[in-house]
């Protein structure tokens, strides 16, 4: 089984309005805990990222 990769893109800047990193859209806790998370937990975070990421106007 392959471990879920980190969504980090090396642009770390926490948005004070919503608490999400502007690069990967994780919270500070998710970033700090990433290496200790199970693969299932990482996949749960990945599932949330597309919801958190602002959608581009059509």
PDB file of N, CA and C in Angstrom:
ATOM      1  N   UNK A   1       0.833  -1.172   0.000  1.00  0.00           N
ATOM      2  CA  UNK A   1       0.000   0.000   0.000  1.00  0.00           C
ATOM      3  C   UNK A   1       0.884   1.243   0.000  1.00  0.00           C
ATOM      4  N   UNK A   2       0.537   2.205  -0.831  1.00  0.00           N
ATOM      5  CA  UNK A   2       1.287   3.441  -0.933  1.00  0.00           C
ATOM      6  C   UNK A   2       0.749   4.462   0.058  1.00  0.00           C
ATOM      7  N   UNK A   3       1.662   5.156   0.702  1.00  0.00           N
ATOM      8  CA  UNK A   3       1.268   6.188   1.652  1.00  0.00           C
ATOM      9  C   UNK A   3       0.876   7.452   0.893  1.00  0.00           C
ATOM     10  N   UNK A   4      -0.184   8.111   1.341  1.00  0.00           N
ATOM     11  CA  UNK A   4      -0.630   9.351   0.715  1.00  0.00           C
ATOM     12  C   UNK A   4       0.474  10.394   0.817  1.00  0.00           C
ATOM     13  N   UNK A   5       0.804  11.054  -0.289  1.00  0.00           N
ATOM     14  CA  UNK A   5       1.857  12.068  -0.254  1.00  0.00           C
ATOM     15  C   UNK A   5       1.375  13.350   0.421  1.00  0.00           C
ATOM     16  N   UNK A   6       2.312  14.126   0.843  1.00  0.00           N
ATOM     17  CA  UNK A   6       1.985  15.421   1.431  1.00  0.00           C
ATOM     18  C   UNK A   6       1.503  16.361   0.326  1.00  0.00           C
ATOM     19  N   UNK A   7       0.492  17.173   0.609  1.00  0.00           N
ATOM     20  CA  UNK A   7       0.039  18.140  -0.382  1.00  0.00           C
ATOM     21  C   UNK A   7       0.879  19.419  -0.405  1.00  0.00           C
ATOM     22  N   UNK A   8       1.915  19.473   0.408  1.00  0.00           N
ATOM     23  CA  UNK A   8       2.751  20.662   0.520  1.00  0.00           C
ATOM     24  C   UNK A   8       3.366  21.039  -0.832  1.00  0.00           C
ATOM     25  N   UNK A   9       3.287  22.335  -1.164  1.00  0.00           N
ATOM     26  CA  UNK A   9       3.922  22.835  -2.383  1.00  0.00           C
ATOM     27  C   UNK A   9       5.015  23.856  -2.048  1.00  0.00           C
ATOM     28  N   UNK A  10       5.442  23.849  -0.792  1.00  0.00           N
ATOM     29  CA  UNK A  10       6.502  24.745  -0.297  1.00  0.00           C
ATOM     30  C   UNK A  10       6.143  26.223  -0.420  1.00  0.00           C
ATOM     31  N   UNK A  11       4.889  26.538  -0.248  1.00  0.00           N
ATOM     32  CA  UNK A  11       4.424  27.921  -0.144  1.00  0.00           C
ATOM     33  C   UNK A  11       3.596  27.988   1.127  1.00  0.00           C
ATOM     34  N   UNK A  12       4.257  28.223   2.243  1.00  0.00           N
ATOM     35  CA  UNK A  12       3.621  28.174   3.554  1.00  0.00           C
ATOM     36  C   UNK A  12       3.235  29.576   4.006  1.00  0.00           C
ATOM     37  N   UNK A  13       1.931  29.809   4.047  1.00  0.00           N
ATOM     38  CA  UNK A  13       1.399  31.104   4.465  1.00  0.00           C
ATOM     39  C   UNK A  13      -0.015  30.850   4.968  1.00  0.00           C
ATOM     40  N   UNK A  14      -0.214  30.982   6.272  1.00  0.00           N
ATOM     41  CA  UNK A  14      -1.524  30.713   6.854  1.00  0.00           C
ATOM     42  C   UNK A  14      -2.430  31.923   6.688  1.00  0.00           C
ATOM     43  N   UNK A  15      -3.587  31.694   6.099  1.00  0.00           N
ATOM     44  CA  UNK A  15      -4.587  32.739   5.912  1.00  0.00           C
ATOM     45  C   UNK A  15      -5.267  32.977   7.256  1.00  0.00           C
ATOM     46  N   UNK A  16      -5.145  34.185   7.828  1.00  0.00           N
ATOM     47  CA  UNK A  16      -5.736  34.438   9.146  1.00  0.00           C
ATOM     48  C   UNK A  16      -7.264  34.420   9.140  1.00  0.00           C
ATOM     49  N   UNK A  17      -7.868  34.562   7.980  1.00  0.00           N
ATOM     50  CA  UNK A  17      -9.331  34.574   7.891  1.00  0.00           C
ATOM     51  C   UNK A  17      -9.945  33.189   8.066  1.00  0.00           C
ATOM     52  N   UNK A  18      -9.261  32.141   7.554  1.00  0.00           N
ATOM     53  CA  UNK A  18      -9.837  30.803   7.654  1.00  0.00           C
ATOM     54  C   UNK A  18      -8.910  29.776   8.304  1.00  0.00           C
ATOM     55  N   UNK A  19      -7.662  30.123   8.561  1.00  0.00           N
ATOM     56  CA  UNK A  19      -6.730  29.215   9.219  1.00  0.00           C
ATOM     57  C   UNK A  19      -6.115  28.175   8.313  1.00  0.00           C
ATOM     58  N   UNK A  20      -6.308  28.292   6.997  1.00  0.00           N
ATOM     59  CA  UNK A  20      -5.750  27.325   6.051  1.00  0.00           C
ATOM     60  C   UNK A  20      -4.483  27.888   5.415  1.00  0.00           C
ATOM     61  N   UNK A  21      -3.548  26.995   5.147  1.00  0.00           N
ATOM     62  CA  UNK A  21      -2.350  27.372   4.412  1.00  0.00           C
ATOM     63  C   UNK A  21      -2.766  27.755   2.990  1.00  0.00           C
ATOM     64  N   UNK A  22      -2.229  28.848   2.489  1.00  0.00           N
ATOM     65  CA  UNK A  22      -2.580  29.297   1.135  1.00  0.00           C
ATOM     66  C   UNK A  22      -1.933  28.436   0.061  1.00  0.00           C
ATOM     67  N   UNK A  23      -0.961  27.631   0.435  1.00  0.00           N
ATOM     68  CA  UNK A  23      -0.308  26.747  -0.533  1.00  0.00           C
ATOM     69  C   UNK A  23      -0.979  25.392  -0.642  1.00  0.00           C
ATOM     70  N   UNK A  24      -1.265  24.765   0.515  1.00  0.00           N
ATOM     71  CA  UNK A  24      -1.797  23.392   0.493  1.00  0.00           C
ATOM     72  C   UNK A  24      -3.192  23.251   1.088  1.00  0.00           C
ATOM     73  N   UNK A  25      -3.687  24.303   1.709  1.00  0.00           N
ATOM     74  CA  UNK A  25      -5.035  24.346   2.293  1.00  0.00           C
ATOM     75  C   UNK A  25      -5.225  23.432   3.503  1.00  0.00           C
ATOM     76  N   UNK A  26      -4.113  23.088   4.166  1.00  0.00           N
ATOM     77  CA  UNK A  26      -4.224  22.360   5.428  1.00  0.00           C
ATOM     78  C   UNK A  26      -4.201  23.350   6.576  1.00  0.00           C
ATOM     79  N   UNK A  27      -4.678  22.903   7.748  1.00  0.00           N
ATOM     80  CA  UNK A  27      -4.594  23.709   8.961  1.00  0.00           C
ATOM     81  C   UNK A  27      -3.202  23.526   9.559  1.00  0.00           C
ATOM     82  N   UNK A  28      -2.842  24.387  10.507  1.00  0.00           N
ATOM     83  CA  UNK A  28      -1.555  24.231  11.189  1.00  0.00           C
ATOM     84  C   UNK A  28      -1.457  22.878  11.876  1.00  0.00           C
ATOM     85  N   UNK A  29      -2.554  22.435  12.508  1.00  0.00           N
ATOM     86  CA  UNK A  29      -2.542  21.136  13.178  1.00  0.00           C
ATOM     87  C   UNK A  29      -2.324  20.003  12.185  1.00  0.00           C
ATOM     88  N   UNK A  30      -2.974  20.073  11.039  1.00  0.00           N
ATOM     89  CA  UNK A  30      -2.798  19.029  10.024  1.00  0.00           C
ATOM     90  C   UNK A  30      -1.367  19.009   9.509  1.00  0.00           C
ATOM     91  N   UNK A  31      -0.786  20.180   9.323  1.00  0.00           N
ATOM     92  CA  UNK A  31       0.604  20.256   8.864  1.00  0.00           C
ATOM     93  C   UNK A  31       1.532  19.659   9.916  1.00  0.00           C
ATOM     94  N   UNK A  32       1.344  20.058  11.176  1.00  0.00           N
ATOM     95  CA  UNK A  32       2.207  19.587  12.263  1.00  0.00           C
ATOM     96  C   UNK A  32       2.060  18.094  12.509  1.00  0.00           C
ATOM     97  N   UNK A  33       0.850  17.568  12.360  1.00  0.00           N
ATOM     98  CA  UNK A  33       0.585  16.162  12.666  1.00  0.00           C
ATOM     99  C   UNK A  33       0.766  15.227  11.473  1.00  0.00           C
ATOM    100  N   UNK A  34       1.037  15.760  10.283  1.00  0.00           N
ATOM    101  CA  UNK A  34       1.052  14.961   9.061  1.00  0.00           C
ATOM    102  C   UNK A  34       1.911  13.701   9.184  1.00  0.00           C
ATOM    103  N   UNK A  35       3.114  13.815   9.694  1.00  0.00           N
ATOM    104  CA  UNK A  35       4.018  12.655   9.745  1.00  0.00           C
ATOM    105  C   UNK A  35       3.542  11.585  10.725  1.00  0.00           C
ATOM    106  N   UNK A  36       2.670  11.945  11.666  1.00  0.00           N
ATOM    107  CA  UNK A  36       2.152  10.981  12.627  1.00  0.00           C
ATOM    108  C   UNK A  36       0.780  10.425  12.235  1.00  0.00           C
ATOM    109  N   UNK A  37       0.178  10.970  11.188  1.00  0.00           N
ATOM    110  CA  UNK A  37      -1.153  10.513  10.772  1.00  0.00           C
ATOM    111  C   UNK A  37      -1.082   9.151  10.091  1.00  0.00           C
ATOM    112  N   UNK A  38      -2.176   8.414  10.223  1.00  0.00           N
ATOM    113  CA  UNK A  38      -2.293   7.167   9.472  1.00  0.00           C
ATOM    114  C   UNK A  38      -2.596   7.511   8.018  1.00  0.00           C
ATOM    115  N   UNK A  39      -2.446   6.548   7.146  1.00  0.00           N
ATOM    116  CA  UNK A  39      -2.752   6.778   5.742  1.00  0.00           C
ATOM    117  C   UNK A  39      -4.226   7.172   5.576  1.00  0.00           C
ATOM    118  N   UNK A  40      -5.100   6.542   6.329  1.00  0.00           N
ATOM    119  CA  UNK A  40      -6.526   6.872   6.264  1.00  0.00           C
ATOM    120  C   UNK A  40      -6.782   8.317   6.665  1.00  0.00           C
ATOM    121  N   UNK A  41      -6.104   8.770   7.706  1.00  0.00           N
ATOM    122  CA  UNK A  41      -6.260  10.157   8.148  1.00  0.00           C
ATOM    123  C   UNK A  41      -5.753  11.123   7.078  1.00  0.00           C
ATOM    124  N   UNK A  42      -4.636  10.776   6.438  1.00  0.00           N
ATOM    125  CA  UNK A  42      -4.100  11.626   5.371  1.00  0.00           C
ATOM    126  C   UNK A  42      -5.085  11.706   4.211  1.00  0.00           C
ATOM    127  N   UNK A  43      -5.685  10.582   3.866  1.00  0.00           N
ATOM    128  CA  UNK A  43      -6.658  10.576   2.781  1.00  0.00           C
ATOM    129  C   UNK A  43      -7.889  11.407   3.125  1.00  0.00           C
ATOM    130  N   UNK A  44      -8.279  11.423   4.391  1.00  0.00           N
ATOM    131  CA  UNK A  44      -9.395  12.264   4.835  1.00  0.00           C
ATOM    132  C   UNK A  44      -9.054  13.738   4.657  1.00  0.00           C
ATOM    133  N   UNK A  45      -7.817  14.117   4.998  1.00  0.00           N
ATOM    134  CA  UNK A  45      -7.388  15.505   4.810  1.00  0.00           C
ATOM    135  C   UNK A  45      -7.401  15.833   3.319  1.00  0.00           C
ATOM    136  N   UNK A  46      -6.848  14.935   2.494  1.00  0.00           N
ATOM    137  CA  UNK A  46      -6.834  15.155   1.045  1.00  0.00           C
ATOM    138  C   UNK A  46      -8.251  15.388   0.516  1.00  0.00           C
ATOM    139  N   UNK A  47      -9.212  14.659   1.037  1.00  0.00           N
ATOM    140  CA  UNK A  47     -10.602  14.798   0.581  1.00  0.00           C
ATOM    141  C   UNK A  47     -11.153  16.185   0.908  1.00  0.00           C
ATOM    142  N   UNK A  48     -10.670  16.802   1.968  1.00  0.00           N
ATOM    143  CA  UNK A  48     -11.135  18.122   2.372  1.00  0.00           C
ATOM    144  C   UNK A  48     -10.488  19.259   1.572  1.00  0.00           C
ATOM    145  N   UNK A  49      -9.331  19.010   0.997  1.00  0.00           N
ATOM    146  CA  UNK A  49      -8.578  20.088   0.352  1.00  0.00           C
ATOM    147  C   UNK A  49      -9.315  20.704  -0.823  1.00  0.00           C
ATOM    148  N   UNK A  50      -9.970  19.897  -1.633  1.00  0.00           N
ATOM    149  CA  UNK A  50     -10.687  20.468  -2.786  1.00  0.00           C
ATOM    150  C   UNK A  50     -11.880  21.305  -2.342  1.00  0.00           C
ATOM    151  N   UNK A  51     -12.439  21.001  -1.183  1.00  0.00           N
ATOM    152  CA  UNK A  51     -13.545  21.787  -0.639  1.00  0.00           C
ATOM    153  C   UNK A  51     -13.016  23.123  -0.108  1.00  0.00           C
ATOM    154  N   UNK A  52     -11.854  23.092   0.507  1.00  0.00           N
ATOM    155  CA  UNK A  52     -11.273  24.290   1.104  1.00  0.00           C
ATOM    156  C   UNK A  52     -10.692  25.250   0.076  1.00  0.00           C
ATOM    157  N   UNK A  53     -10.186  24.689  -1.014  1.00  0.00           N
ATOM    158  CA  UNK A  53      -9.527  25.507  -2.037  1.00  0.00           C
ATOM    159  C   UNK A  53     -10.551  26.383  -2.753  1.00  0.00           C
ATOM    160  N   UNK A  54     -10.283  27.670  -2.826  1.00  0.00           N
ATOM    161  CA  UNK A  54     -11.233  28.549  -3.529  1.00  0.00           C
ATOM    162  C   UNK A  54     -11.385  28.109  -4.986  1.00  0.00           C
ATOM    163  N   UNK A  55     -12.603  28.135  -5.454  1.00  0.00           N
ATOM    164  CA  UNK A  55     -12.865  27.748  -6.830  1.00  0.00           C
ATOM    165  C   UNK A  55     -12.620  28.947  -7.755  1.00  0.00           C
ATOM    166  N   UNK A  56     -11.967  28.679  -8.868  1.00  0.00           N
ATOM    167  CA  UNK A  56     -11.719  29.740  -9.840  1.00  0.00           C
ATOM    168  C   UNK A  56     -13.036  30.140 -10.508  1.00  0.00           C
ATOM    169  N   UNK A  57     -13.246  31.414 -10.744  1.00  0.00           N
ATOM    170  CA  UNK A  57     -14.473  31.839 -11.418  1.00  0.00           C
ATOM    171  C   UNK A  57     -14.557  31.256 -12.819  1.00  0.00           C
ATOM    172  N   UNK A  58     -15.743  30.896 -13.215  1.00  0.00           N
ATOM    173  CA  UNK A  58     -15.956  30.292 -14.541  1.00  0.00           C
ATOM    174  C   UNK A  58     -16.116  31.344 -15.603  1.00  0.00           C
TER     175      UNK A  58
END
